[in-house]
Amino acid sequence: MSASLAVGVSGQGTNLAALRRSEERGLLGGRIELVFADRPCPALEAAAAWGRPTLLLGPAPWDAELAAALGKAGIEAIALAGFMRRLGPAVLGGWPDRILNVHPSLLPAFPGAHAVSDALAAGVTITGVTVHLVDERLDGGPIVMQEAVPIRTGDDEARLTERLHAVEHRLLPLALARLAAGALRRDGRHVRLDLARAARLPSPRRALLSVSDKTGLVELGRGLAGLGFELVSTGGTARTLGEAGLPVTEVAAVTGFPELLDGRVKTLHPRIHAGILADRRRPEHVAQLAEAAIEPFELVVVNLYPFAAAAARPDLDLDGLIEEIDIGGPSLVRAAAKNHASLGVVTDPVGYPALLEELRQEGRLSEATRRSLAAAAFAHTAAYDARIAAVLPGRLGLPVGEPLPPRRIIELERVQVLRYGENPHQAAALYRLPGAPASAGPLAAGVTLVQGKPLSYNNLLDAAAAARIGRDLRGPACVIVKHTNPCGAAEADDPLLAWEGALAGDQVSAYGGVVAVTRAIDRPLAERLVELFLEVVVAPALRPEAGPILAAKPNLR
C-alpha cells in the first residue's frame, strides 16, 4: 500500500531530491503529495517544477494552516528535510510519531541551527547524522537512526557539510520508508525497529562498478541506469560515468569515509562488503542488513589493475609495480563470486551487452548466468594472482627457485579459438603468456593472417616450431617443418639462398610443409615459394611486390 507523504523544506533541497529519487525507484513506500516551506527557496521551486503540490507558509497562525493542508492532502507521514521552524501543537497533535527530522549531528550533541559549526568549534573528532521523531522539544525527539561521520584535519564547514549531506541522503529516505511501512514503533524514549517489516521493504537495484578497463563502461552504466539501478562507483570509474551525464553515488558516500592511503583503501568497508556478501536467501542475513541500514548489491562489475601490462614496462620501478597490485578489486570479485546465489559479478567488458540484454528481457540474471559469471570471476582472480606470483619474486631480487618446483602456477590467456585440434573431432585454442615480449616469437601476441583460411592446430604447432628454430639461426635464414619434424634449415647471405639451402635438406618431405624465414619476403623468394605446395609461411614482413605473387596461391597462408 502506498502512503501519502509530505516534506518540509527551507533551502536548496538536496534531501528533497534524495527523497524524490527514492520515490522514483519505488523505495519510499509512498508518494510525496505535498512540499511545504517556511520561506521562498530553491527546494520549493524544484517541487513545483516536477509537478507536486507546494505550500509556502505565511506568518502565524501558520501551524493551523499547515495542519489543514496536510489533512486535506491525506498525509500519513512527514519528513522535515531542513525545515527551519518548530512545529506547533496542531501538526504535532495531528501526526504523533509520524514526523521525522534529519539533523547534522549525533544528537543530543549540538542541537539547533548551527550544529556543523558548533561541532567544529568544540573540537570534537566525530559528529554525524541523526534521524529522529519530532515532538515538542527542539531536536529532542526519540532517535530513529544515527551514523557517525569523522571530522578530518583541515575540515571546514563546507567540507564537513558535504559529507554529512551524503549520509543524510541515504538515511532519511530509508527512515521515511520504514515509517510509512509501519516498521518503526515508539517505546518511550526509544524507537524499535520491526525487523520483519523492515526486511520486507523493496530492495534497491544497486550496481557497484570499479574498473580499470573503461571499454563499454558508459554504455553499461547507461543501460543499468535505464533499468533503475543506482550506480555506486569509485575514482576514475565514477568520473567517467559522471562525465557521461549519468547519476553516480560515490563509494565514499556509502561508507562515510574518503579514499585513504592514495587510493589503497576505497571499498574495503562493511557497508560495501556486507551488501555484497549477504545471502538474501537467509532471513537472518536480510534482517542483519536491515538492522545495520545496509542496502544489498545486485551486480558487481570489476576488472583489476593491469599488473601484466605494468610488469612489461621497462621504465616502471619496483614501487610503481607494487602499486599495480590490486587489493580491493579481487576482494570485491571474490566476495561477489562466492555469493553468486544473490548477485552477479562481471569481470570482462565483452560480457556487458549480453548482461544488459538478459536484464532487459528477463528482469534479472538467471541462476545459470550467475554461476557461469562466478566461475569466470574466480578464474580471473586466479590468473591475476598467478601473474603476480610469477613476476614478483624476480623483481624483488629473490633467488631463483628450483627448476622443477612441487607446484608451478602458469597464467595463460586465450588468443583465438581454432577450427579444430590435432584431429577434426578435437577442440583447440591458441593461448599465450600475458605480456610476452616480441623475442618470444611471432605467435606470442597472436597471429596476423595476411591471406588464406584460419590456421589449424597443426599449422600453428609447425609454425611455432619453425619460428623457434629460426630465432636460433643468424642472419637471413629459412626453416622448413612438417608434422613437427624439421625438413631443412639454412643460413645464407640472402633469403632466397637460405630457402634453397633449407629445401635441399629434404625436398620430398618439404611438400605440404610450413616455412619460417627471418627476413622480409621479397619478389625472388615469393616466386620460388609458390613453386612448391606449402601450408604456411611465417615471416617478419612482406614486400609490396611479393604480395600479389603469394596471393596467386589462395590456399597458402
Protein backbone atom coordinates (compact mmCIF):
# COMPACT_ATOMS: atom_id res chain seq x y z
CA MET A 1 0.00 0.00 0.00
CA SER A 2 1.38 3.42 -0.97
CA ALA A 3 1.42 6.11 1.72
CA SER A 4 0.79 9.81 1.15
CA LEU A 5 3.86 11.74 2.24
CA ALA A 6 4.78 15.37 2.87
CA VAL A 7 8.19 17.03 3.03
CA GLY A 8 9.13 20.27 4.78
CA VAL A 9 11.99 22.31 3.27
CA SER A 10 13.75 25.64 3.66
CA GLY A 11 16.88 25.55 1.50
CA GLN A 12 18.47 24.07 -1.61
CA GLY A 13 16.51 20.83 -1.43
CA THR A 14 19.25 18.19 -1.62
CA ASN A 15 17.40 15.96 0.84
CA LEU A 16 14.17 16.52 -1.07
CA ALA A 17 15.97 15.41 -4.24
CA ALA A 18 17.18 12.27 -2.45
CA LEU A 19 13.62 11.51 -1.35
CA ARG A 20 12.36 12.03 -4.87
CA ARG A 21 14.99 9.64 -6.29
CA SER A 22 13.93 7.05 -3.75
CA GLU A 23 10.29 7.53 -4.70
CA GLU A 24 11.06 7.19 -8.41
CA ARG A 25 12.80 3.89 -7.77
CA GLY A 26 9.84 2.55 -5.80
CA LEU A 27 11.73 2.51 -2.50
CA LEU A 28 9.98 5.22 -0.50
CA GLY A 29 6.82 3.28 0.24
CA GLY A 30 4.66 6.16 -0.88
CA ARG A 31 4.30 9.31 -2.94
CA ILE A 32 5.23 12.86 -1.98
CA GLU A 33 1.87 14.64 -2.16
CA LEU A 34 2.87 17.96 -0.58
CA VAL A 35 6.05 20.01 -0.19
CA PHE A 36 5.85 22.92 2.24
CA ALA A 37 8.32 25.64 3.17
CA ASP A 38 8.59 28.50 5.64
CA ARG A 39 10.26 30.78 3.07
CA PRO A 40 10.76 31.00 -0.71
CA CYS A 41 13.61 28.63 -1.57
CA PRO A 42 15.05 26.54 -4.43
CA ALA A 43 13.62 23.37 -2.88
CA LEU A 44 10.05 24.67 -3.15
CA GLU A 45 10.69 25.76 -6.74
CA ALA A 46 12.06 22.32 -7.59
CA ALA A 47 8.97 20.61 -6.19
CA ALA A 48 6.72 22.85 -8.25
CA ALA A 49 8.83 22.17 -11.34
CA TRP A 50 8.24 18.43 -11.08
CA GLY A 51 4.53 18.92 -10.61
CA ARG A 52 3.96 18.36 -6.90
CA PRO A 53 1.62 20.49 -4.76
CA THR A 54 3.51 23.11 -2.76
CA LEU A 55 2.66 25.35 0.17
CA LEU A 56 4.52 28.50 1.23
CA LEU A 57 3.55 29.13 4.84
CA GLY A 58 2.65 32.58 5.95
CA PRO A 59 3.03 34.16 9.39
CA ALA A 60 1.13 32.91 12.42
CA PRO A 61 -1.13 31.02 12.70
CA TRP A 62 0.89 29.01 10.17
CA ASP A 63 0.72 25.82 12.28
CA ALA A 64 -3.03 25.58 11.81
CA GLU A 65 -2.63 26.43 8.12
CA LEU A 66 -0.13 23.59 7.70
CA ALA A 67 -2.26 21.11 9.65
CA ALA A 68 -5.23 21.92 7.43
CA ALA A 69 -3.19 21.43 4.25
CA LEU A 70 -1.75 18.16 5.50
CA GLY A 71 -5.18 16.88 6.41
CA LYS A 72 -6.69 17.90 3.09
CA ALA A 73 -3.90 16.06 1.23
CA GLY A 74 -4.44 12.92 3.32
CA ILE A 75 -0.84 12.93 4.52
CA GLU A 76 0.18 9.89 6.58
CA ALA A 77 3.86 10.60 7.27
CA ILE A 78 6.04 13.72 7.18
CA ALA A 79 9.77 14.31 6.71
CA LEU A 80 11.41 17.58 7.70
CA ALA A 81 14.35 18.00 5.32
CA GLY A 82 15.88 21.24 6.51
CA PHE A 83 12.60 22.87 7.57
CA MET A 84 13.61 25.74 9.86
CA ARG A 85 10.52 26.24 12.05
CA ARG A 86 9.42 24.34 15.13
CA LEU A 87 6.12 22.60 14.55
CA GLY A 88 3.19 23.62 16.71
CA PRO A 89 0.52 21.64 18.53
CA ALA A 90 -1.85 21.41 15.57
CA VAL A 91 0.62 19.43 13.46
CA LEU A 92 2.27 17.54 16.33
CA GLY A 93 -1.10 16.51 17.71
CA GLY A 94 -2.46 15.52 14.33
CA TRP A 95 0.50 13.34 13.35
CA PRO A 96 2.01 11.94 16.57
CA ASP A 97 5.09 9.77 15.97
CA ARG A 98 4.55 10.22 12.21
CA ILE A 99 7.02 13.08 11.68
CA LEU A 100 10.75 12.65 11.06
CA ASN A 101 13.52 15.22 11.13
CA VAL A 102 17.09 14.87 9.87
CA HIS A 103 19.78 16.71 11.85
CA PRO A 104 23.51 17.13 11.07
CA SER A 105 24.94 15.94 14.39
CA LEU A 106 24.84 12.98 16.72
CA LEU A 107 22.03 14.17 18.96
CA PRO A 108 21.75 15.02 21.77
CA ALA A 109 25.06 16.74 20.96
CA PHE A 110 24.86 20.04 19.07
CA PRO A 111 21.12 20.63 18.64
CA GLY A 112 19.85 23.74 16.89
CA ALA A 113 20.51 25.54 13.64
CA HIS A 114 24.32 25.67 13.84
CA ALA A 115 25.19 22.04 14.50
CA VAL A 116 28.04 21.83 11.99
CA SER A 117 29.85 24.98 13.08
CA ASP A 118 29.23 24.11 16.74
CA ALA A 119 30.87 20.69 16.27
CA LEU A 120 33.89 22.25 14.57
CA ALA A 121 34.21 24.90 17.26
CA ALA A 122 34.02 22.28 20.01
CA GLY A 123 36.96 20.39 18.53
CA VAL A 124 35.22 17.00 18.51
CA THR A 125 36.63 14.36 16.18
CA ILE A 126 33.33 12.61 15.49
CA THR A 127 29.99 14.09 14.52
CA GLY A 128 27.29 12.55 12.36
CA VAL A 129 23.68 12.46 11.25
CA THR A 130 20.56 11.76 13.28
CA VAL A 131 17.06 10.99 12.08
CA HIS A 132 14.56 11.33 14.93
CA LEU A 133 10.87 11.53 15.61
CA VAL A 134 9.64 15.07 16.09
CA ASP A 135 7.95 16.18 19.29
CA GLU A 136 7.64 19.45 21.18
CA ARG A 137 11.34 19.51 22.14
CA LEU A 138 13.91 21.16 19.88
CA ASP A 139 15.79 18.31 18.19
CA GLY A 140 14.86 16.20 21.19
CA GLY A 141 12.53 13.50 19.89
CA PRO A 142 13.35 9.78 20.10
CA ILE A 143 16.20 8.76 17.82
CA VAL A 144 15.36 6.54 14.84
CA MET A 145 18.74 6.24 13.10
CA GLN A 146 22.24 7.61 13.57
CA GLU A 147 25.51 7.34 11.71
CA ALA A 148 28.87 8.76 12.71
CA VAL A 149 30.93 10.95 10.40
CA PRO A 150 34.58 11.63 11.34
CA ILE A 151 35.87 15.18 11.34
CA ARG A 152 39.17 15.26 9.47
CA THR A 153 42.14 17.57 9.75
CA GLY A 154 41.53 20.60 7.57
CA ASP A 155 37.75 20.28 7.57
CA ASP A 156 35.81 23.49 7.31
CA GLU A 157 32.05 23.88 7.44
CA ALA A 158 31.60 23.38 3.70
CA ARG A 159 33.66 20.17 3.51
CA LEU A 160 32.06 18.65 6.57
CA THR A 161 28.56 19.62 5.43
CA GLU A 162 29.13 17.90 2.10
CA ARG A 163 29.99 14.62 3.81
CA LEU A 164 27.09 14.96 6.24
CA HIS A 165 24.71 15.55 3.35
CA ALA A 166 25.84 12.32 1.69
CA VAL A 167 24.81 10.41 4.82
CA GLU A 168 21.56 12.35 5.19
CA HIS A 169 20.61 11.49 1.62
CA ARG A 170 20.95 7.81 2.46
CA LEU A 171 19.37 7.71 5.92
CA LEU A 172 16.33 9.98 5.53
CA PRO A 173 14.69 8.10 2.61
CA LEU A 174 15.23 4.78 4.37
CA ALA A 175 13.82 6.07 7.66
CA LEU A 176 10.76 7.54 5.92
CA ALA A 177 10.15 4.29 4.04
CA ARG A 178 10.28 2.40 7.33
CA LEU A 179 7.93 4.86 8.99
CA ALA A 180 5.47 4.61 6.08
CA ALA A 181 5.61 0.80 6.25
CA GLY A 182 4.88 0.69 9.98
CA ALA A 183 8.31 -0.74 10.77
CA LEU A 184 9.05 1.90 13.45
CA ARG A 185 7.41 1.75 16.88
CA ARG A 186 7.94 4.25 19.66
CA ASP A 187 8.65 2.79 23.08
CA GLY A 188 9.12 5.71 25.46
CA ARG A 189 12.41 7.37 24.58
CA HIS A 190 13.31 4.52 22.23
CA VAL A 191 12.22 3.68 18.69
CA ARG A 192 12.07 -0.04 17.98
CA LEU A 193 12.63 -1.44 14.50
CA ASP A 194 10.32 -4.23 13.39
CA LEU A 195 12.94 -6.29 11.56
CA ALA A 196 10.37 -8.48 9.83
CA ARG A 197 8.59 -5.48 8.31
CA ALA A 198 11.86 -3.71 7.52
CA ALA A 199 13.15 -6.80 5.73
CA ARG A 200 10.04 -6.82 3.52
CA LEU A 201 10.70 -3.33 2.18
CA PRO A 202 11.69 -3.25 -1.50
CA SER A 203 15.42 -3.63 -2.07
CA PRO A 204 17.03 -1.04 -4.30
CA ARG A 205 18.69 -2.15 -7.51
CA ARG A 206 22.34 -1.32 -6.95
CA ALA A 207 25.38 -1.99 -9.09
CA LEU A 208 28.94 -1.48 -7.89
CA LEU A 209 31.26 -0.51 -10.74
CA SER A 210 35.03 -0.20 -10.32
CA VAL A 211 37.03 -0.91 -13.46
CA SER A 212 40.49 -0.23 -14.83
CA ASP A 213 39.45 -1.09 -18.38
CA LYS A 214 36.81 1.53 -19.26
CA THR A 215 35.79 -0.23 -22.51
CA GLY A 216 31.99 -0.19 -22.77
CA LEU A 217 31.62 1.35 -19.31
CA VAL A 218 29.41 4.28 -20.29
CA GLU A 219 27.11 2.10 -22.37
CA LEU A 220 26.82 -0.36 -19.48
CA GLY A 221 26.16 2.42 -16.98
CA ARG A 222 23.53 3.99 -19.22
CA GLY A 223 21.81 0.64 -19.67
CA LEU A 224 21.82 -0.13 -15.95
CA ALA A 225 20.55 3.34 -15.05
CA GLY A 226 17.74 2.87 -17.55
CA LEU A 227 16.79 -0.32 -15.72
CA GLY A 228 16.55 1.52 -12.41
CA PHE A 229 19.95 0.67 -10.97
CA GLU A 230 21.78 3.02 -8.64
CA LEU A 231 25.37 3.23 -9.87
CA VAL A 232 27.84 3.08 -6.97
CA SER A 233 31.38 3.73 -8.09
CA THR A 234 34.91 4.82 -7.25
CA GLY A 235 37.60 7.16 -8.54
CA GLY A 236 38.15 7.16 -12.28
CA THR A 237 35.14 4.94 -12.91
CA ALA A 238 32.86 7.43 -11.16
CA ARG A 239 34.41 10.31 -13.10
CA THR A 240 33.89 8.55 -16.43
CA LEU A 241 30.25 7.84 -15.64
CA GLY A 242 29.66 11.34 -14.28
CA GLU A 243 31.23 12.99 -17.33
CA ALA A 244 28.78 11.00 -19.46
CA GLY A 245 25.92 12.62 -17.55
CA LEU A 246 24.99 9.56 -15.51
CA PRO A 247 23.99 9.84 -11.83
CA VAL A 248 26.67 8.24 -9.67
CA THR A 249 26.90 7.55 -5.95
CA GLU A 250 30.50 7.72 -4.78
CA VAL A 251 31.61 4.82 -2.60
CA ALA A 252 32.68 7.38 0.00
CA ALA A 253 29.04 8.46 0.29
CA VAL A 254 28.11 4.87 1.15
CA THR A 255 30.95 4.17 3.57
CA GLY A 256 31.19 7.61 5.15
CA PHE A 257 34.95 7.51 4.56
CA PRO A 258 37.01 9.07 1.79
CA GLU A 259 39.60 7.15 -0.17
CA LEU A 260 42.61 6.59 2.08
CA LEU A 261 46.32 5.94 1.55
CA ASP A 262 46.46 7.26 -2.02
CA GLY A 263 43.51 5.10 -3.04
CA ARG A 264 44.74 1.86 -1.49
CA VAL A 265 41.62 1.80 0.70
CA LYS A 266 38.36 2.58 -1.06
CA THR A 267 35.90 -0.29 -0.98
CA LEU A 268 37.27 -2.28 1.98
CA HIS A 269 34.37 -1.43 4.28
CA PRO A 270 31.45 -3.35 5.87
CA ARG A 271 28.87 -1.17 4.11
CA ILE A 272 30.26 -2.41 0.81
CA HIS A 273 31.18 -5.99 1.57
CA ALA A 274 28.11 -6.75 3.69
CA GLY A 275 25.99 -5.50 0.80
CA ILE A 276 27.80 -7.98 -1.45
CA LEU A 277 28.14 -10.97 0.87
CA ALA A 278 24.64 -11.05 2.37
CA ASP A 279 22.92 -14.26 1.26
CA ARG A 280 19.41 -12.97 0.69
CA ARG A 281 18.01 -16.49 0.78
CA ARG A 282 18.70 -16.43 4.53
CA PRO A 283 16.24 -14.36 6.60
CA GLU A 284 18.84 -13.72 9.28
CA HIS A 285 21.15 -12.08 6.73
CA VAL A 286 18.33 -9.89 5.43
CA ALA A 287 17.44 -8.91 9.00
CA GLN A 288 21.05 -8.02 9.81
CA LEU A 289 21.24 -5.78 6.74
CA ALA A 290 18.03 -4.06 7.82
CA GLU A 291 19.30 -3.52 11.35
CA ALA A 292 22.59 -2.06 10.07
CA ALA A 293 20.79 0.02 7.40
CA ILE A 294 22.92 -1.55 4.66
CA GLU A 295 21.46 -1.93 1.18
CA PRO A 296 22.42 -5.04 -0.84
CA PHE A 297 24.03 -5.04 -4.27
CA GLU A 298 22.54 -6.87 -7.23
CA LEU A 299 25.55 -6.57 -9.51
CA VAL A 300 29.32 -6.10 -9.13
CA VAL A 301 31.33 -5.03 -12.19
CA VAL A 302 35.07 -5.05 -11.57
CA ASN A 303 38.22 -5.58 -13.56
CA LEU A 304 41.62 -5.30 -11.98
CA TYR A 305 44.66 -3.06 -12.16
CA PRO A 306 46.65 -4.01 -15.30
CA PHE A 307 49.52 -5.73 -13.49
CA ALA A 308 50.70 -7.74 -16.51
CA ALA A 309 50.98 -4.62 -18.67
CA ALA A 310 52.73 -2.78 -15.86
CA ALA A 311 55.22 -5.63 -15.40
CA ALA A 312 56.14 -5.38 -19.09
CA ARG A 313 57.06 -1.68 -18.81
CA PRO A 314 60.84 -1.27 -18.60
CA ASP A 315 60.51 2.22 -17.08
CA LEU A 316 58.44 1.11 -14.07
CA ASP A 317 60.39 0.63 -10.85
CA LEU A 318 59.54 -1.83 -8.08
CA ASP A 319 57.47 0.65 -6.06
CA GLY A 320 55.46 1.53 -9.15
CA LEU A 321 54.87 -2.14 -9.89
CA ILE A 322 53.75 -2.79 -6.31
CA GLU A 323 51.09 -0.09 -6.69
CA GLU A 324 49.66 -2.04 -9.64
CA ILE A 325 48.80 -4.96 -7.34
CA ASP A 326 45.05 -4.66 -6.85
CA ILE A 327 43.72 -5.39 -3.36
CA GLY A 328 40.17 -4.08 -3.21
CA GLY A 329 39.26 -5.33 -6.68
CA PRO A 330 39.99 -9.04 -6.09
CA SER A 331 38.22 -8.79 -2.73
CA LEU A 332 35.09 -7.46 -4.43
CA VAL A 333 35.25 -10.05 -7.20
CA ARG A 334 35.77 -13.00 -4.86
CA ALA A 335 33.04 -11.82 -2.48
CA ALA A 336 30.53 -11.43 -5.31
CA ALA A 337 31.51 -14.75 -6.88
CA LYS A 338 31.14 -16.52 -3.53
CA ASN A 339 27.67 -15.04 -3.09
CA HIS A 340 26.55 -15.68 -6.67
CA ALA A 341 23.27 -17.05 -5.32
CA SER A 342 22.28 -13.45 -4.58
CA LEU A 343 24.06 -11.31 -7.19
CA GLY A 344 26.04 -11.31 -10.41
CA VAL A 345 29.70 -10.43 -10.95
CA VAL A 346 31.21 -9.36 -14.27
CA THR A 347 34.96 -9.04 -14.91
CA ASP A 348 35.14 -8.85 -18.71
CA PRO A 349 33.74 -5.93 -20.77
CA VAL A 350 32.99 -8.41 -23.56
CA GLY A 351 30.10 -9.65 -21.43
CA TYR A 352 28.39 -6.29 -20.93
CA PRO A 353 25.97 -6.47 -23.90
CA ALA A 354 24.76 -9.98 -23.00
CA LEU A 355 24.34 -8.91 -19.38
CA LEU A 356 22.16 -5.94 -20.31
CA GLU A 357 20.14 -8.00 -22.76
CA GLU A 358 19.31 -10.62 -20.14
CA LEU A 359 18.37 -7.97 -17.59
CA ARG A 360 16.10 -6.28 -20.12
CA GLN A 361 14.46 -9.49 -21.28
CA GLU A 362 14.23 -11.43 -18.01
CA GLY A 363 14.34 -8.69 -15.38
CA ARG A 364 17.19 -10.36 -13.51
CA LEU A 365 20.14 -12.66 -14.09
CA SER A 366 19.32 -16.35 -14.13
CA GLU A 367 20.95 -18.79 -11.74
CA ALA A 368 22.82 -20.35 -14.65
CA THR A 369 24.22 -16.97 -15.69
CA ARG A 370 25.26 -16.09 -12.14
CA ARG A 371 27.03 -19.41 -11.76
CA SER A 372 28.84 -19.01 -15.05
CA LEU A 373 29.91 -15.47 -14.17
CA ALA A 374 31.12 -16.62 -10.74
CA ALA A 375 33.29 -19.34 -12.25
CA ALA A 376 34.77 -16.84 -14.71
CA ALA A 377 35.39 -14.40 -11.84
CA PHE A 378 37.36 -16.94 -9.81
CA ALA A 379 39.38 -17.79 -12.92
CA HIS A 380 40.03 -14.07 -13.39
CA THR A 381 41.42 -13.56 -9.88
CA ALA A 382 43.37 -16.83 -10.02
CA ALA A 383 45.09 -15.76 -13.25
CA TYR A 384 45.78 -12.34 -11.77
CA ASP A 385 47.41 -13.80 -8.67
CA ALA A 386 49.34 -16.31 -10.78
CA ARG A 387 50.86 -13.49 -12.80
CA ILE A 388 51.92 -11.65 -9.65
CA ALA A 389 53.40 -14.86 -8.22
CA ALA A 390 55.36 -15.41 -11.42
CA VAL A 391 56.72 -11.87 -11.79
CA LEU A 392 57.21 -10.52 -8.30
CA PRO A 393 59.98 -12.82 -6.96
CA GLY A 394 62.35 -11.75 -9.71
CA ARG A 395 61.52 -8.08 -9.25
CA LEU A 396 62.09 -8.43 -5.50
CA GLY A 397 65.57 -9.80 -6.15
CA LEU A 398 64.82 -13.16 -4.60
CA PRO A 399 66.99 -16.14 -5.58
CA VAL A 400 65.70 -18.26 -8.42
CA GLY A 401 63.94 -21.31 -7.05
CA GLU A 402 64.44 -24.89 -8.08
CA PRO A 403 63.81 -25.55 -11.78
CA LEU A 404 61.17 -28.17 -11.04
CA PRO A 405 59.21 -26.89 -8.04
CA PRO A 406 56.47 -29.04 -6.45
CA ARG A 407 53.86 -26.56 -7.67
CA ARG A 408 54.10 -24.25 -10.68
CA ILE A 409 51.42 -21.69 -11.47
CA ILE A 410 51.12 -20.70 -15.11
CA GLU A 411 48.79 -17.99 -16.34
CA LEU A 412 47.73 -18.16 -19.98
CA GLU A 413 45.28 -16.00 -21.88
CA ARG A 414 43.40 -17.18 -24.94
CA VAL A 415 44.30 -15.52 -28.21
CA GLN A 416 41.92 -17.33 -30.54
CA VAL A 417 39.74 -20.40 -30.86
CA LEU A 418 40.98 -22.74 -33.59
CA ARG A 419 38.92 -24.61 -36.15
CA TYR A 420 39.80 -27.95 -34.53
CA GLY A 421 42.60 -29.72 -32.71
CA GLU A 422 45.12 -32.26 -33.93
CA ASN A 423 42.17 -34.14 -35.43
CA PRO A 424 38.90 -32.68 -36.73
CA HIS A 425 36.84 -34.09 -33.83
CA GLN A 426 39.01 -32.31 -31.22
CA ALA A 427 38.64 -28.74 -29.93
CA ALA A 428 41.64 -26.44 -29.63
CA ALA A 429 42.64 -22.85 -28.90
CA LEU A 430 45.80 -20.76 -29.00
CA TYR A 431 46.99 -19.34 -25.69
CA ARG A 432 49.87 -17.07 -24.78
CA LEU A 433 51.72 -15.81 -21.74
CA PRO A 434 50.45 -12.29 -20.95
CA GLY A 435 52.96 -9.58 -21.66
CA ALA A 436 55.23 -11.87 -23.67
CA PRO A 437 57.95 -9.84 -25.47
CA ALA A 438 58.47 -9.86 -29.23
CA SER A 439 61.52 -12.06 -28.69
CA ALA A 440 59.13 -14.84 -27.68
CA GLY A 441 58.24 -15.30 -31.33
CA PRO A 442 55.65 -14.29 -33.92
CA LEU A 443 52.88 -16.24 -32.20
CA ALA A 444 53.41 -14.71 -28.75
CA ALA A 445 50.93 -11.91 -29.41
CA GLY A 446 48.63 -13.83 -31.74
CA VAL A 447 48.69 -14.34 -35.48
CA THR A 448 48.40 -11.69 -38.18
CA LEU A 449 46.98 -13.65 -41.09
CA VAL A 450 47.81 -11.95 -44.39
CA GLN A 451 45.86 -14.36 -46.58
CA GLY A 452 44.15 -17.73 -46.53
CA LYS A 453 41.80 -19.52 -44.15
CA PRO A 454 42.38 -19.58 -40.37
CA LEU A 455 45.27 -21.64 -39.10
CA SER A 456 44.62 -25.07 -37.63
CA TYR A 457 46.18 -26.58 -34.53
CA ASN A 458 48.71 -28.50 -36.65
CA ASN A 459 49.53 -25.38 -38.67
CA LEU A 460 50.28 -23.41 -35.52
CA LEU A 461 52.29 -26.23 -33.99
CA ASP A 462 54.56 -26.46 -37.03
CA ALA A 463 54.70 -22.67 -37.44
CA ALA A 464 55.77 -22.24 -33.82
CA ALA A 465 58.44 -24.93 -34.20
CA ALA A 466 59.80 -23.43 -37.42
CA ALA A 467 59.85 -19.91 -35.98
CA ARG A 468 61.59 -21.11 -32.82
CA ILE A 469 64.37 -22.76 -34.82
CA GLY A 470 64.65 -19.66 -36.98
CA ARG A 471 65.28 -17.49 -33.92
CA ASP A 472 68.34 -19.62 -33.13
CA LEU A 473 69.84 -19.01 -36.58
CA ARG A 474 71.93 -16.00 -37.62
CA GLY A 475 71.24 -13.52 -40.37
CA PRO A 476 68.95 -14.41 -43.30
CA ALA A 477 67.72 -17.92 -42.56
CA CYS A 478 64.97 -20.36 -43.51
CA VAL A 479 63.44 -23.37 -41.74
CA ILE A 480 61.04 -25.98 -43.14
CA VAL A 481 58.99 -28.13 -40.73
CA LYS A 482 56.38 -30.80 -41.38
CA HIS A 483 54.46 -32.63 -38.66
CA THR A 484 56.84 -31.09 -36.09
CA ASN A 485 59.85 -32.64 -37.85
CA PRO A 486 62.47 -30.30 -39.34
CA CYS A 487 62.94 -30.99 -43.05
CA GLY A 488 65.71 -28.46 -43.51
CA ALA A 489 67.28 -25.30 -42.12
CA ALA A 490 69.87 -22.97 -43.59
CA GLU A 491 71.66 -19.66 -43.10
CA ALA A 492 72.81 -17.63 -46.11
CA ASP A 493 73.64 -14.16 -47.36
CA ASP A 494 70.08 -13.52 -48.56
CA PRO A 495 66.61 -15.08 -48.01
CA LEU A 496 66.47 -16.78 -51.41
CA LEU A 497 69.75 -18.63 -50.86
CA ALA A 498 68.57 -19.59 -47.37
CA TRP A 499 65.39 -21.09 -48.89
CA GLU A 500 67.38 -23.06 -51.43
CA GLY A 501 69.64 -24.41 -48.69
CA ALA A 502 66.75 -25.44 -46.44
CA LEU A 503 64.88 -27.08 -49.33
CA ALA A 504 67.95 -29.10 -50.20
CA GLY A 505 67.73 -30.80 -46.82
CA ASP A 506 64.68 -32.91 -47.81
CA GLN A 507 62.84 -31.82 -50.93
CA VAL A 508 60.30 -34.63 -50.69
CA SER A 509 59.18 -34.00 -47.09
CA ALA A 510 59.08 -30.24 -47.66
CA TYR A 511 55.96 -30.75 -49.79
CA GLY A 512 52.97 -29.54 -47.75
CA GLY A 513 55.26 -28.19 -45.06
CA VAL A 514 55.47 -24.99 -43.03
CA VAL A 515 58.20 -22.44 -43.74
CA ALA A 516 59.66 -19.75 -41.48
CA VAL A 517 62.04 -17.08 -42.78
CA THR A 518 63.86 -14.49 -40.71
CA ARG A 519 63.77 -11.68 -43.26
CA ALA A 520 61.03 -9.99 -45.27
CA ILE A 521 59.73 -11.93 -48.27
CA ASP A 522 60.76 -10.18 -51.50
CA ARG A 523 59.84 -10.93 -55.13
CA PRO A 524 62.55 -13.55 -55.86
CA LEU A 525 61.75 -15.53 -52.73
CA ALA A 526 57.98 -15.30 -53.32
CA GLU A 527 58.40 -16.67 -56.86
CA ARG A 528 60.27 -19.71 -55.55
CA LEU A 529 57.87 -20.33 -52.65
CA VAL A 530 54.83 -20.64 -54.91
CA GLU A 531 56.55 -23.32 -56.99
CA LEU A 532 56.01 -25.83 -54.17
CA PHE A 533 52.82 -26.68 -52.32
CA LEU A 534 53.18 -25.22 -48.82
CA GLU A 535 50.68 -24.88 -45.98
CA VAL A 536 52.04 -21.83 -44.14
CA VAL A 537 54.80 -19.27 -44.49
CA VAL A 538 55.87 -17.30 -41.39
CA ALA A 539 57.82 -14.10 -42.00
CA PRO A 540 58.54 -10.82 -40.18
CA ALA A 541 57.33 -8.76 -43.17
CA LEU A 542 56.09 -8.93 -46.75
CA ARG A 543 57.40 -6.65 -49.51
CA PRO A 544 54.65 -5.00 -51.59
CA GLU A 545 55.81 -6.67 -54.80
CA ALA A 546 55.68 -10.11 -53.17
CA GLY A 547 52.06 -9.92 -52.05
CA PRO A 548 50.36 -10.46 -55.44
CA ILE A 549 52.67 -13.40 -56.19
CA LEU A 550 51.72 -15.22 -52.99
CA ALA A 551 48.06 -14.28 -53.46
CA ALA A 552 48.04 -16.40 -56.60
CA LYS A 553 48.07 -19.36 -54.22
CA PRO A 554 44.87 -18.64 -52.20
CA ASN A 555 45.27 -21.74 -50.01
CA LEU A 556 48.71 -20.64 -48.89
CA ARG A 557 48.64 -18.92 -45.52
